[in-house]
Amino acid sequence: MNAHTNVQIIEQGGKPAFAVLPYEEYLSLTNEKIYFPQEVVDLMFEKDLSLYAAWRKHLGFTQKEMAEKLEVSQTRISDIEKHPERVGVKTQKAFAEALGINYKQLDLDD
């Protein structure tokens, strides 16, 4: 684990009892598999949507709302959803954070 991360220590009875750490770090420590809700998979195949669009729709966001969250144009959101193969890791992480999911859940190759 990286030094000086955002780990929160929760005490019980004056003694450390739990450590809360960022989800990304938890995944790296546990090598946990990334899963996709069936609804996201259904949207991808039944509506022919990219993983980005399927997650957005599944979580109830419009393209306009995503654009506002990411401080980009709605056209940019549309482009990300139509051409996910062009999306860099920085954008993938920002999109995932705006959705409240792990960035690896926007990549079928991992």
PDB file of N, CA and C in Angstrom:
ATOM      1  N   MET A   1       0.845  -1.176   0.000  1.00  0.00           N
ATOM      2  CA  MET A   1       0.000   0.000   0.000  1.00  0.00           C
ATOM      3  C   MET A   1       0.888   1.236   0.000  1.00  0.00           C
ATOM      4  N   ASN A   2       0.448   2.289  -0.655  1.00  0.00           N
ATOM      5  CA  ASN A   2       1.190   3.541  -0.718  1.00  0.00           C
ATOM      6  C   ASN A   2       1.233   4.201   0.657  1.00  0.00           C
ATOM      7  N   ALA A   3       2.321   4.902   0.925  1.00  0.00           N
ATOM      8  CA  ALA A   3       2.431   5.620   2.185  1.00  0.00           C
ATOM      9  C   ALA A   3       1.515   6.834   2.172  1.00  0.00           C
ATOM     10  N   HIS A   4       1.024   7.198   3.326  1.00  0.00           N
ATOM     11  CA  HIS A   4       0.203   8.401   3.506  1.00  0.00           C
ATOM     12  C   HIS A   4      -0.992   8.458   2.561  1.00  0.00           C
ATOM     13  N   THR A   5      -1.838   7.486   2.658  1.00  0.00           N
ATOM     14  CA  THR A   5      -3.056   7.480   1.855  1.00  0.00           C
ATOM     15  C   THR A   5      -4.215   8.009   2.682  1.00  0.00           C
ATOM     16  N   ASN A   6      -5.375   8.051   2.093  1.00  0.00           N
ATOM     17  CA  ASN A   6      -6.575   8.506   2.791  1.00  0.00           C
ATOM     18  C   ASN A   6      -7.193   7.360   3.575  1.00  0.00           C
ATOM     19  N   VAL A   7      -6.502   6.879   4.574  1.00  0.00           N
ATOM     20  CA  VAL A   7      -7.009   5.807   5.418  1.00  0.00           C
ATOM     21  C   VAL A   7      -7.601   6.430   6.675  1.00  0.00           C
ATOM     22  N   GLN A   8      -8.812   6.009   6.994  1.00  0.00           N
ATOM     23  CA  GLN A   8      -9.479   6.506   8.199  1.00  0.00           C
ATOM     24  C   GLN A   8      -9.467   5.380   9.226  1.00  0.00           C
ATOM     25  N   ILE A   9      -8.987   5.675  10.409  1.00  0.00           N
ATOM     26  CA  ILE A   9      -8.960   4.691  11.493  1.00  0.00           C
ATOM     27  C   ILE A   9     -10.155   4.961  12.405  1.00  0.00           C
ATOM     28  N   ILE A  10     -10.944   3.938  12.645  1.00  0.00           N
ATOM     29  CA  ILE A  10     -12.102   4.045  13.529  1.00  0.00           C
ATOM     30  C   ILE A  10     -11.784   3.283  14.803  1.00  0.00           C
ATOM     31  N   GLU A  11     -11.970   3.974  15.903  1.00  0.00           N
ATOM     32  CA  GLU A  11     -11.661   3.373  17.195  1.00  0.00           C
ATOM     33  C   GLU A  11     -12.924   2.926  17.916  1.00  0.00           C
ATOM     34  N   GLN A  12     -12.771   1.899  18.722  1.00  0.00           N
ATOM     35  CA  GLN A  12     -13.815   1.444  19.630  1.00  0.00           C
ATOM     36  C   GLN A  12     -13.154   1.231  20.987  1.00  0.00           C
ATOM     37  N   GLY A  13     -13.703   1.864  21.976  1.00  0.00           N
ATOM     38  CA  GLY A  13     -13.114   1.744  23.307  1.00  0.00           C
ATOM     39  C   GLY A  13     -11.719   2.316  23.378  1.00  0.00           C
ATOM     40  N   GLY A  14     -11.438   3.328  22.580  1.00  0.00           N
ATOM     41  CA  GLY A  14     -10.133   3.983  22.593  1.00  0.00           C
ATOM     42  C   GLY A  14      -9.037   3.231  21.861  1.00  0.00           C
ATOM     43  N   LYS A  15      -9.387   2.135  21.175  1.00  0.00           N
ATOM     44  CA  LYS A  15      -8.380   1.351  20.449  1.00  0.00           C
ATOM     45  C   LYS A  15      -8.767   1.253  18.982  1.00  0.00           C
ATOM     46  N   PRO A  16      -7.788   1.239  18.084  1.00  0.00           N
ATOM     47  CA  PRO A  16      -8.100   1.079  16.653  1.00  0.00           C
ATOM     48  C   PRO A  16      -8.863  -0.227  16.414  1.00  0.00           C
ATOM     49  N   ALA A  17      -9.989  -0.129  15.697  1.00  0.00           N
ATOM     50  CA  ALA A  17     -10.808  -1.311  15.428  1.00  0.00           C
ATOM     51  C   ALA A  17     -10.994  -1.552  13.930  1.00  0.00           C
ATOM     52  N   PHE A  18     -11.059  -0.482  13.155  1.00  0.00           N
ATOM     53  CA  PHE A  18     -11.296  -0.606  11.716  1.00  0.00           C
ATOM     54  C   PHE A  18     -10.436   0.399  10.963  1.00  0.00           C
ATOM     55  N   ALA A  19     -10.061   0.017   9.761  1.00  0.00           N
ATOM     56  CA  ALA A  19      -9.373   0.936   8.856  1.00  0.00           C
ATOM     57  C   ALA A  19     -10.224   1.058   7.597  1.00  0.00           C
ATOM     58  N   VAL A  20     -10.604   2.284   7.265  1.00  0.00           N
ATOM     59  CA  VAL A  20     -11.368   2.555   6.052  1.00  0.00           C
ATOM     60  C   VAL A  20     -10.402   3.157   5.050  1.00  0.00           C
ATOM     61  N   LEU A  21     -10.316   2.541   3.873  1.00  0.00           N
ATOM     62  CA  LEU A  21      -9.381   3.017   2.869  1.00  0.00           C
ATOM     63  C   LEU A  21     -10.071   3.175   1.526  1.00  0.00           C
ATOM     64  N   PRO A  22      -9.483   3.964   0.628  1.00  0.00           N
ATOM     65  CA  PRO A  22     -10.090   4.140  -0.685  1.00  0.00           C
ATOM     66  C   PRO A  22     -10.301   2.794  -1.374  1.00  0.00           C
ATOM     67  N   TYR A  23     -11.409   2.702  -2.102  1.00  0.00           N
ATOM     68  CA  TYR A  23     -11.788   1.446  -2.746  1.00  0.00           C
ATOM     69  C   TYR A  23     -10.704   0.946  -3.695  1.00  0.00           C
ATOM     70  N   GLU A  24     -10.070   1.843  -4.412  1.00  0.00           N
ATOM     71  CA  GLU A  24      -8.997   1.452  -5.332  1.00  0.00           C
ATOM     72  C   GLU A  24      -7.888   0.707  -4.584  1.00  0.00           C
ATOM     73  N   GLU A  25      -7.529   1.200  -3.424  1.00  0.00           N
ATOM     74  CA  GLU A  25      -6.489   0.545  -2.641  1.00  0.00           C
ATOM     75  C   GLU A  25      -6.962  -0.797  -2.106  1.00  0.00           C
ATOM     76  N   TYR A  26      -8.210  -0.846  -1.691  1.00  0.00           N
ATOM     77  CA  TYR A  26      -8.776  -2.119  -1.239  1.00  0.00           C
ATOM     78  C   TYR A  26      -8.666  -3.161  -2.344  1.00  0.00           C
ATOM     79  N   LEU A  27      -9.052  -2.772  -3.564  1.00  0.00           N
ATOM     80  CA  LEU A  27      -8.987  -3.712  -4.686  1.00  0.00           C
ATOM     81  C   LEU A  27      -7.566  -4.169  -4.950  1.00  0.00           C
ATOM     82  N   SER A  28      -6.620  -3.245  -4.878  1.00  0.00           N
ATOM     83  CA  SER A  28      -5.236  -3.637  -5.141  1.00  0.00           C
ATOM     84  C   SER A  28      -4.712  -4.584  -4.063  1.00  0.00           C
ATOM     85  N   LEU A  29      -5.220  -4.435  -2.851  1.00  0.00           N
ATOM     86  CA  LEU A  29      -4.794  -5.323  -1.767  1.00  0.00           C
ATOM     87  C   LEU A  29      -5.441  -6.697  -1.829  1.00  0.00           C
ATOM     88  N   THR A  30      -6.649  -6.763  -2.315  1.00  0.00           N
ATOM     89  CA  THR A  30      -7.391  -8.015  -2.309  1.00  0.00           C
ATOM     90  C   THR A  30      -7.421  -8.718  -3.655  1.00  0.00           C
ATOM     91  N   ASN A  31      -6.998  -8.015  -4.710  1.00  0.00           N
ATOM     92  CA  ASN A  31      -7.088  -8.563  -6.070  1.00  0.00           C
ATOM     93  C   ASN A  31      -8.507  -9.010  -6.389  1.00  0.00           C
ATOM     94  N   GLU A  32      -9.466  -8.250  -5.852  1.00  0.00           N
ATOM     95  CA  GLU A  32     -10.872  -8.570  -6.049  1.00  0.00           C
ATOM     96  C   GLU A  32     -11.257  -8.459  -7.519  1.00  0.00           C
ATOM     97  N   LYS A  33     -12.066  -9.378  -7.964  1.00  0.00           N
ATOM     98  CA  LYS A  33     -12.579  -9.344  -9.325  1.00  0.00           C
ATOM     99  C   LYS A  33     -13.563  -8.198  -9.464  1.00  0.00           C
ATOM    100  N   ILE A  34     -13.632  -7.645 -10.657  1.00  0.00           N
ATOM    101  CA  ILE A  34     -14.575  -6.582 -10.951  1.00  0.00           C
ATOM    102  C   ILE A  34     -15.815  -7.202 -11.580  1.00  0.00           C
ATOM    103  N   TYR A  35     -16.969  -6.835 -11.062  1.00  0.00           N
ATOM    104  CA  TYR A  35     -18.218  -7.385 -11.557  1.00  0.00           C
ATOM    105  C   TYR A  35     -19.086  -6.281 -12.147  1.00  0.00           C
ATOM    106  N   PHE A  36     -20.029  -6.694 -12.977  1.00  0.00           N
ATOM    107  CA  PHE A  36     -20.954  -5.779 -13.620  1.00  0.00           C
ATOM    108  C   PHE A  36     -22.376  -6.222 -13.302  1.00  0.00           C
ATOM    109  N   PRO A  37     -23.245  -5.297 -12.916  1.00  0.00           N
ATOM    110  CA  PRO A  37     -24.648  -5.665 -12.690  1.00  0.00           C
ATOM    111  C   PRO A  37     -25.265  -6.208 -13.983  1.00  0.00           C
ATOM    112  N   GLN A  38     -26.141  -7.165 -13.849  1.00  0.00           N
ATOM    113  CA  GLN A  38     -26.799  -7.749 -15.018  1.00  0.00           C
ATOM    114  C   GLN A  38     -27.506  -6.674 -15.844  1.00  0.00           C
ATOM    115  N   GLU A  39     -28.053  -5.665 -15.171  1.00  0.00           N
ATOM    116  CA  GLU A  39     -28.752  -4.593 -15.881  1.00  0.00           C
ATOM    117  C   GLU A  39     -27.814  -3.848 -16.828  1.00  0.00           C
ATOM    118  N   VAL A  40     -26.565  -3.666 -16.427  1.00  0.00           N
ATOM    119  CA  VAL A  40     -25.583  -2.995 -17.280  1.00  0.00           C
ATOM    120  C   VAL A  40     -25.291  -3.860 -18.500  1.00  0.00           C
ATOM    121  N   VAL A  41     -25.099  -5.143 -18.280  1.00  0.00           N
ATOM    122  CA  VAL A  41     -24.841  -6.070 -19.386  1.00  0.00           C
ATOM    123  C   VAL A  41     -26.031  -6.104 -20.340  1.00  0.00           C
ATOM    124  N   ASP A  42     -27.234  -6.162 -19.780  1.00  0.00           N
ATOM    125  CA  ASP A  42     -28.440  -6.168 -20.616  1.00  0.00           C
ATOM    126  C   ASP A  42     -28.522  -4.914 -21.479  1.00  0.00           C
ATOM    127  N   LEU A  43     -28.256  -3.760 -20.895  1.00  0.00           N
ATOM    128  CA  LEU A  43     -28.289  -2.514 -21.663  1.00  0.00           C
ATOM    129  C   LEU A  43     -27.270  -2.532 -22.801  1.00  0.00           C
ATOM    130  N   MET A  44     -26.100  -3.079 -22.517  1.00  0.00           N
ATOM    131  CA  MET A  44     -25.066  -3.153 -23.552  1.00  0.00           C
ATOM    132  C   MET A  44     -25.530  -3.980 -24.744  1.00  0.00           C
ATOM    133  N   PHE A  45     -26.110  -5.131 -24.471  1.00  0.00           N
ATOM    134  CA  PHE A  45     -26.459  -6.037 -25.555  1.00  0.00           C
ATOM    135  C   PHE A  45     -27.829  -5.781 -26.156  1.00  0.00           C
ATOM    136  N   GLU A  46     -28.788  -5.440 -25.338  1.00  0.00           N
ATOM    137  CA  GLU A  46     -30.138  -5.211 -25.856  1.00  0.00           C
ATOM    138  C   GLU A  46     -30.276  -3.863 -26.545  1.00  0.00           C
ATOM    139  N   LYS A  47     -29.553  -2.850 -26.053  1.00  0.00           N
ATOM    140  CA  LYS A  47     -29.645  -1.501 -26.620  1.00  0.00           C
ATOM    141  C   LYS A  47     -28.410  -1.132 -27.440  1.00  0.00           C
ATOM    142  N   ASP A  48     -27.455  -2.066 -27.525  1.00  0.00           N
ATOM    143  CA  ASP A  48     -26.205  -1.843 -28.262  1.00  0.00           C
ATOM    144  C   ASP A  48     -25.478  -0.594 -27.760  1.00  0.00           C
ATOM    145  N   LEU A  49     -25.326  -0.504 -26.438  1.00  0.00           N
ATOM    146  CA  LEU A  49     -24.660   0.628 -25.816  1.00  0.00           C
ATOM    147  C   LEU A  49     -23.241   0.260 -25.411  1.00  0.00           C
ATOM    148  N   SER A  50     -22.388   1.265 -25.353  1.00  0.00           N
ATOM    149  CA  SER A  50     -21.052   1.051 -24.797  1.00  0.00           C
ATOM    150  C   SER A  50     -21.178   0.852 -23.296  1.00  0.00           C
ATOM    151  N   LEU A  51     -20.122   0.383 -22.692  1.00  0.00           N
ATOM    152  CA  LEU A  51     -20.113   0.190 -21.248  1.00  0.00           C
ATOM    153  C   LEU A  51     -20.321   1.525 -20.523  1.00  0.00           C
ATOM    154  N   TYR A  52     -19.762   2.589 -21.069  1.00  0.00           N
ATOM    155  CA  TYR A  52     -19.921   3.923 -20.474  1.00  0.00           C
ATOM    156  C   TYR A  52     -21.394   4.338 -20.478  1.00  0.00           C
ATOM    157  N   ALA A  53     -22.047   4.200 -21.621  1.00  0.00           N
ATOM    158  CA  ALA A  53     -23.456   4.589 -21.743  1.00  0.00           C
ATOM    159  C   ALA A  53     -24.344   3.686 -20.896  1.00  0.00           C
ATOM    160  N   ALA A  54     -24.044   2.396 -20.870  1.00  0.00           N
ATOM    161  CA  ALA A  54     -24.853   1.449 -20.098  1.00  0.00           C
ATOM    162  C   ALA A  54     -24.789   1.780 -18.609  1.00  0.00           C
ATOM    163  N   TRP A  55     -23.593   2.053 -18.090  1.00  0.00           N
ATOM    164  CA  TRP A  55     -23.459   2.422 -16.684  1.00  0.00           C
ATOM    165  C   TRP A  55     -24.208   3.722 -16.400  1.00  0.00           C
ATOM    166  N   ARG A  56     -24.045   4.702 -17.290  1.00  0.00           N
ATOM    167  CA  ARG A  56     -24.700   5.991 -17.082  1.00  0.00           C
ATOM    168  C   ARG A  56     -26.207   5.819 -17.002  1.00  0.00           C
ATOM    169  N   LYS A  57     -26.759   5.088 -17.957  1.00  0.00           N
ATOM    170  CA  LYS A  57     -28.209   4.866 -17.977  1.00  0.00           C
ATOM    171  C   LYS A  57     -28.654   4.050 -16.755  1.00  0.00           C
ATOM    172  N   HIS A  58     -27.894   3.020 -16.428  1.00  0.00           N
ATOM    173  CA  HIS A  58     -28.218   2.165 -15.277  1.00  0.00           C
ATOM    174  C   HIS A  58     -28.291   2.978 -13.982  1.00  0.00           C
ATOM    175  N   LEU A  59     -27.394   3.937 -13.850  1.00  0.00           N
ATOM    176  CA  LEU A  59     -27.346   4.740 -12.628  1.00  0.00           C
ATOM    177  C   LEU A  59     -28.244   5.971 -12.703  1.00  0.00           C
ATOM    178  N   GLY A  60     -28.932   6.132 -13.825  1.00  0.00           N
ATOM    179  CA  GLY A  60     -29.948   7.175 -13.922  1.00  0.00           C
ATOM    180  C   GLY A  60     -29.455   8.566 -14.250  1.00  0.00           C
ATOM    181  N   PHE A  61     -28.289   8.682 -14.861  1.00  0.00           N
ATOM    182  CA  PHE A  61     -27.763   9.986 -15.245  1.00  0.00           C
ATOM    183  C   PHE A  61     -28.037  10.262 -16.719  1.00  0.00           C
ATOM    184  N   THR A  62     -28.283  11.518 -17.035  1.00  0.00           N
ATOM    185  CA  THR A  62     -28.382  11.934 -18.435  1.00  0.00           C
ATOM    186  C   THR A  62     -26.986  12.342 -18.905  1.00  0.00           C
ATOM    187  N   GLN A  63     -26.830  12.466 -20.209  1.00  0.00           N
ATOM    188  CA  GLN A  63     -25.550  12.949 -20.721  1.00  0.00           C
ATOM    189  C   GLN A  63     -25.282  14.367 -20.220  1.00  0.00           C
ATOM    190  N   LYS A  64     -26.321  15.167 -20.129  1.00  0.00           N
ATOM    191  CA  LYS A  64     -26.165  16.540 -19.645  1.00  0.00           C
ATOM    192  C   LYS A  64     -25.654  16.551 -18.211  1.00  0.00           C
ATOM    193  N   GLU A  65     -26.213  15.692 -17.358  1.00  0.00           N
ATOM    194  CA  GLU A  65     -25.773  15.619 -15.968  1.00  0.00           C
ATOM    195  C   GLU A  65     -24.310  15.165 -15.877  1.00  0.00           C
ATOM    196  N   MET A  66     -23.941  14.196 -16.708  1.00  0.00           N
ATOM    197  CA  MET A  66     -22.547  13.737 -16.715  1.00  0.00           C
ATOM    198  C   MET A  66     -21.618  14.849 -17.177  1.00  0.00           C
ATOM    199  N   ALA A  67     -22.041  15.599 -18.194  1.00  0.00           N
ATOM    200  CA  ALA A  67     -21.242  16.708 -18.691  1.00  0.00           C
ATOM    201  C   ALA A  67     -21.005  17.738 -17.590  1.00  0.00           C
ATOM    202  N   GLU A  68     -22.044  18.016 -16.828  1.00  0.00           N
ATOM    203  CA  GLU A  68     -21.913  18.967 -15.721  1.00  0.00           C
ATOM    204  C   GLU A  68     -20.972  18.433 -14.649  1.00  0.00           C
ATOM    205  N   LYS A  69     -21.096  17.155 -14.316  1.00  0.00           N
ATOM    206  CA  LYS A  69     -20.228  16.550 -13.300  1.00  0.00           C
ATOM    207  C   LYS A  69     -18.756  16.596 -13.726  1.00  0.00           C
ATOM    208  N   LEU A  70     -18.516  16.350 -15.023  1.00  0.00           N
ATOM    209  CA  LEU A  70     -17.145  16.294 -15.528  1.00  0.00           C
ATOM    210  C   LEU A  70     -16.648  17.638 -16.051  1.00  0.00           C
ATOM    211  N   GLU A  71     -17.542  18.620 -16.054  1.00  0.00           N
ATOM    212  CA  GLU A  71     -17.212  19.955 -16.553  1.00  0.00           C
ATOM    213  C   GLU A  71     -16.702  19.907 -17.991  1.00  0.00           C
ATOM    214  N   VAL A  72     -17.452  19.174 -18.812  1.00  0.00           N
ATOM    215  CA  VAL A  72     -17.185  19.082 -20.250  1.00  0.00           C
ATOM    216  C   VAL A  72     -18.508  19.284 -20.975  1.00  0.00           C
ATOM    217  N   SER A  73     -18.462  19.299 -22.287  1.00  0.00           N
ATOM    218  CA  SER A  73     -19.695  19.458 -23.063  1.00  0.00           C
ATOM    219  C   SER A  73     -20.449  18.133 -23.162  1.00  0.00           C
ATOM    220  N   GLN A  74     -21.729  18.247 -23.437  1.00  0.00           N
ATOM    221  CA  GLN A  74     -22.533  17.045 -23.660  1.00  0.00           C
ATOM    222  C   GLN A  74     -22.025  16.293 -24.884  1.00  0.00           C
ATOM    223  N   THR A  75     -21.518  17.024 -25.860  1.00  0.00           N
ATOM    224  CA  THR A  75     -20.935  16.405 -27.058  1.00  0.00           C
ATOM    225  C   THR A  75     -19.750  15.520 -26.687  1.00  0.00           C
ATOM    226  N   ARG A  76     -18.952  15.971 -25.712  1.00  0.00           N
ATOM    227  CA  ARG A  76     -17.794  15.175 -25.255  1.00  0.00           C
ATOM    228  C   ARG A  76     -18.269  13.874 -24.612  1.00  0.00           C
ATOM    229  N   ILE A  77     -19.335  13.937 -23.822  1.00  0.00           N
ATOM    230  CA  ILE A  77     -19.882  12.724 -23.201  1.00  0.00           C
ATOM    231  C   ILE A  77     -20.350  11.770 -24.295  1.00  0.00           C
ATOM    232  N   SER A  78     -21.039  12.294 -25.279  1.00  0.00           N
ATOM    233  CA  SER A  78     -21.506  11.482 -26.402  1.00  0.00           C
ATOM    234  C   SER A  78     -20.333  10.819 -27.107  1.00  0.00           C
ATOM    235  N   ASP A  79     -19.259  11.576 -27.314  1.00  0.00           N
ATOM    236  CA  ASP A  79     -18.068  11.038 -27.984  1.00  0.00           C
ATOM    237  C   ASP A  79     -17.422   9.929 -27.155  1.00  0.00           C
ATOM    238  N   ILE A  80     -17.346  10.129 -25.846  1.00  0.00           N
ATOM    239  CA  ILE A  80     -16.789   9.098 -24.953  1.00  0.00           C
ATOM    240  C   ILE A  80     -17.607   7.816 -25.065  1.00  0.00           C
ATOM    241  N   GLU A  81     -18.921   7.960 -25.061  1.00  0.00           N
ATOM    242  CA  GLU A  81     -19.800   6.793 -25.112  1.00  0.00           C
ATOM    243  C   GLU A  81     -19.763   6.093 -26.470  1.00  0.00           C
ATOM    244  N   LYS A  82     -19.596   6.852 -27.539  1.00  0.00           N
ATOM    245  CA  LYS A  82     -19.560   6.258 -28.882  1.00  0.00           C
ATOM    246  C   LYS A  82     -18.204   5.653 -29.220  1.00  0.00           C
ATOM    247  N   HIS A  83     -17.136   6.196 -28.626  1.00  0.00           N
ATOM    248  CA  HIS A  83     -15.779   5.747 -28.948  1.00  0.00           C
ATOM    249  C   HIS A  83     -14.972   5.478 -27.677  1.00  0.00           C
ATOM    250  N   PRO A  84     -15.398   4.528 -26.871  1.00  0.00           N
ATOM    251  CA  PRO A  84     -14.682   4.275 -25.610  1.00  0.00           C
ATOM    252  C   PRO A  84     -13.242   3.819 -25.814  1.00  0.00           C
ATOM    253  N   GLU A  85     -12.938   3.298 -26.989  1.00  0.00           N
ATOM    254  CA  GLU A  85     -11.559   2.861 -27.256  1.00  0.00           C
ATOM    255  C   GLU A  85     -10.586   4.035 -27.316  1.00  0.00           C
ATOM    256  N   ARG A  86     -11.099   5.246 -27.460  1.00  0.00           N
ATOM    257  CA  ARG A  86     -10.269   6.459 -27.520  1.00  0.00           C
ATOM    258  C   ARG A  86     -10.077   7.103 -26.152  1.00  0.00           C
ATOM    259  N   VAL A  87     -10.730   6.583 -25.142  1.00  0.00           N
ATOM    260  CA  VAL A  87     -10.706   7.195 -23.810  1.00  0.00           C
ATOM    261  C   VAL A  87      -9.429   6.816 -23.077  1.00  0.00           C
ATOM    262  N   GLY A  88      -8.742   7.824 -22.566  1.00  0.00           N
ATOM    263  CA  GLY A  88      -7.539   7.593 -21.776  1.00  0.00           C
ATOM    264  C   GLY A  88      -7.881   7.247 -20.336  1.00  0.00           C
ATOM    265  N   VAL A  89      -6.893   6.791 -19.607  1.00  0.00           N
ATOM    266  CA  VAL A  89      -7.101   6.361 -18.220  1.00  0.00           C
ATOM    267  C   VAL A  89      -7.583   7.521 -17.355  1.00  0.00           C
ATOM    268  N   LYS A  90      -7.056   8.714 -17.565  1.00  0.00           N
ATOM    269  CA  LYS A  90      -7.457   9.875 -16.761  1.00  0.00           C
ATOM    270  C   LYS A  90      -8.959  10.148 -16.935  1.00  0.00           C
ATOM    271  N   THR A  91      -9.416  10.133 -18.173  1.00  0.00           N
ATOM    272  CA  THR A  91     -10.837  10.360 -18.450  1.00  0.00           C
ATOM    273  C   THR A  91     -11.673   9.209 -17.919  1.00  0.00           C
ATOM    274  N   GLN A  92     -11.178   7.980 -18.086  1.00  0.00           N
ATOM    275  CA  GLN A  92     -11.890   6.807 -17.580  1.00  0.00           C
ATOM    276  C   GLN A  92     -12.078   6.915 -16.069  1.00  0.00           C
ATOM    277  N   LYS A  93     -11.046   7.312 -15.367  1.00  0.00           N
ATOM    278  CA  LYS A  93     -11.132   7.446 -13.908  1.00  0.00           C
ATOM    279  C   LYS A  93     -12.095   8.564 -13.516  1.00  0.00           C
ATOM    280  N   ALA A  94     -12.058   9.683 -14.238  1.00  0.00           N
ATOM    281  CA  ALA A  94     -12.960  10.799 -13.935  1.00  0.00           C
ATOM    282  C   ALA A  94     -14.415  10.403 -14.187  1.00  0.00           C
ATOM    283  N   PHE A  95     -14.657   9.703 -15.282  1.00  0.00           N
ATOM    284  CA  PHE A  95     -16.010   9.253 -15.620  1.00  0.00           C
ATOM    285  C   PHE A  95     -16.514   8.297 -14.539  1.00  0.00           C
ATOM    286  N   ALA A  96     -15.668   7.356 -14.152  1.00  0.00           N
ATOM    287  CA  ALA A  96     -16.043   6.386 -13.121  1.00  0.00           C
ATOM    288  C   ALA A  96     -16.313   7.076 -11.788  1.00  0.00           C
ATOM    289  N   GLU A  97     -15.480   8.026 -11.426  1.00  0.00           N
ATOM    290  CA  GLU A  97     -15.679   8.750 -10.167  1.00  0.00           C
ATOM    291  C   GLU A  97     -17.010   9.505 -10.190  1.00  0.00           C
ATOM    292  N   ALA A  98     -17.331  10.111 -11.327  1.00  0.00           N
ATOM    293  CA  ALA A  98     -18.605  10.836 -11.454  1.00  0.00           C
ATOM    294  C   ALA A  98     -19.792   9.880 -11.306  1.00  0.00           C
ATOM    295  N   LEU A  99     -19.610   8.638 -11.748  1.00  0.00           N
ATOM    296  CA  LEU A  99     -20.672   7.633 -11.628  1.00  0.00           C
ATOM    297  C   LEU A  99     -20.692   6.970 -10.246  1.00  0.00           C
ATOM    298  N   GLY A 100     -19.574   7.080  -9.529  1.00  0.00           N
ATOM    299  CA  GLY A 100     -19.481   6.428  -8.221  1.00  0.00           C
ATOM    300  C   GLY A 100     -19.132   4.955  -8.322  1.00  0.00           C
ATOM    301  N   ILE A 101     -18.383   4.587  -9.372  1.00  0.00           N
ATOM    302  CA  ILE A 101     -17.976   3.193  -9.561  1.00  0.00           C
ATOM    303  C   ILE A 101     -16.458   3.119  -9.677  1.00  0.00           C
ATOM    304  N   ASN A 102     -15.925   1.915  -9.661  1.00  0.00           N
ATOM    305  CA  ASN A 102     -14.505   1.684  -9.865  1.00  0.00           C
ATOM    306  C   ASN A 102     -14.180   1.894 -11.341  1.00  0.00           C
ATOM    307  N   TYR A 103     -13.087   2.576 -11.637  1.00  0.00           N
ATOM    308  CA  TYR A 103     -12.749   2.846 -13.032  1.00  0.00           C
ATOM    309  C   TYR A 103     -12.541   1.565 -13.845  1.00  0.00           C
ATOM    310  N   LYS A 104     -12.181   0.482 -13.181  1.00  0.00           N
ATOM    311  CA  LYS A 104     -12.007  -0.779 -13.904  1.00  0.00           C
ATOM    312  C   LYS A 104     -13.338  -1.349 -14.395  1.00  0.00           C
ATOM    313  N   GLN A 105     -14.434  -0.846 -13.838  1.00  0.00           N
ATOM    314  CA  GLN A 105     -15.749  -1.282 -14.295  1.00  0.00           C
ATOM    315  C   GLN A 105     -16.157  -0.618 -15.613  1.00  0.00           C
ATOM    316  N   LEU A 106     -15.263   0.191 -16.154  1.00  0.00           N
ATOM    317  CA  LEU A 106     -15.499   0.792 -17.472  1.00  0.00           C
ATOM    318  C   LEU A 106     -14.585   0.177 -18.528  1.00  0.00           C
ATOM    319  N   ASP A 107     -13.966  -0.939 -18.183  1.00  0.00           N
ATOM    320  CA  ASP A 107     -13.039  -1.594 -19.100  1.00  0.00           C
ATOM    321  C   ASP A 107     -13.267  -3.096 -19.076  1.00  0.00           C
ATOM    322  N   LEU A 108     -13.678  -3.635 -20.200  1.00  0.00           N
ATOM    323  CA  LEU A 108     -13.939  -5.075 -20.284  1.00  0.00           C
ATOM    324  C   LEU A 108     -12.655  -5.892 -20.430  1.00  0.00           C
ATOM    325  N   ASP A 109     -11.547  -5.233 -20.705  1.00  0.00           N
ATOM    326  CA  ASP A 109     -10.296  -5.959 -20.948  1.00  0.00           C
ATOM    327  C   ASP A 109      -9.539  -6.310 -19.677  1.00  0.00           C
ATOM    328  N   ASP A 110      -9.913  -5.731 -18.553  1.00  0.00           N
ATOM    329  CA  ASP A 110      -9.202  -6.034 -17.293  1.00  0.00           C
ATOM    330  C   ASP A 110      -9.676  -7.314 -16.671  1.00  0.00           C
TER     331      ASP A 110
END
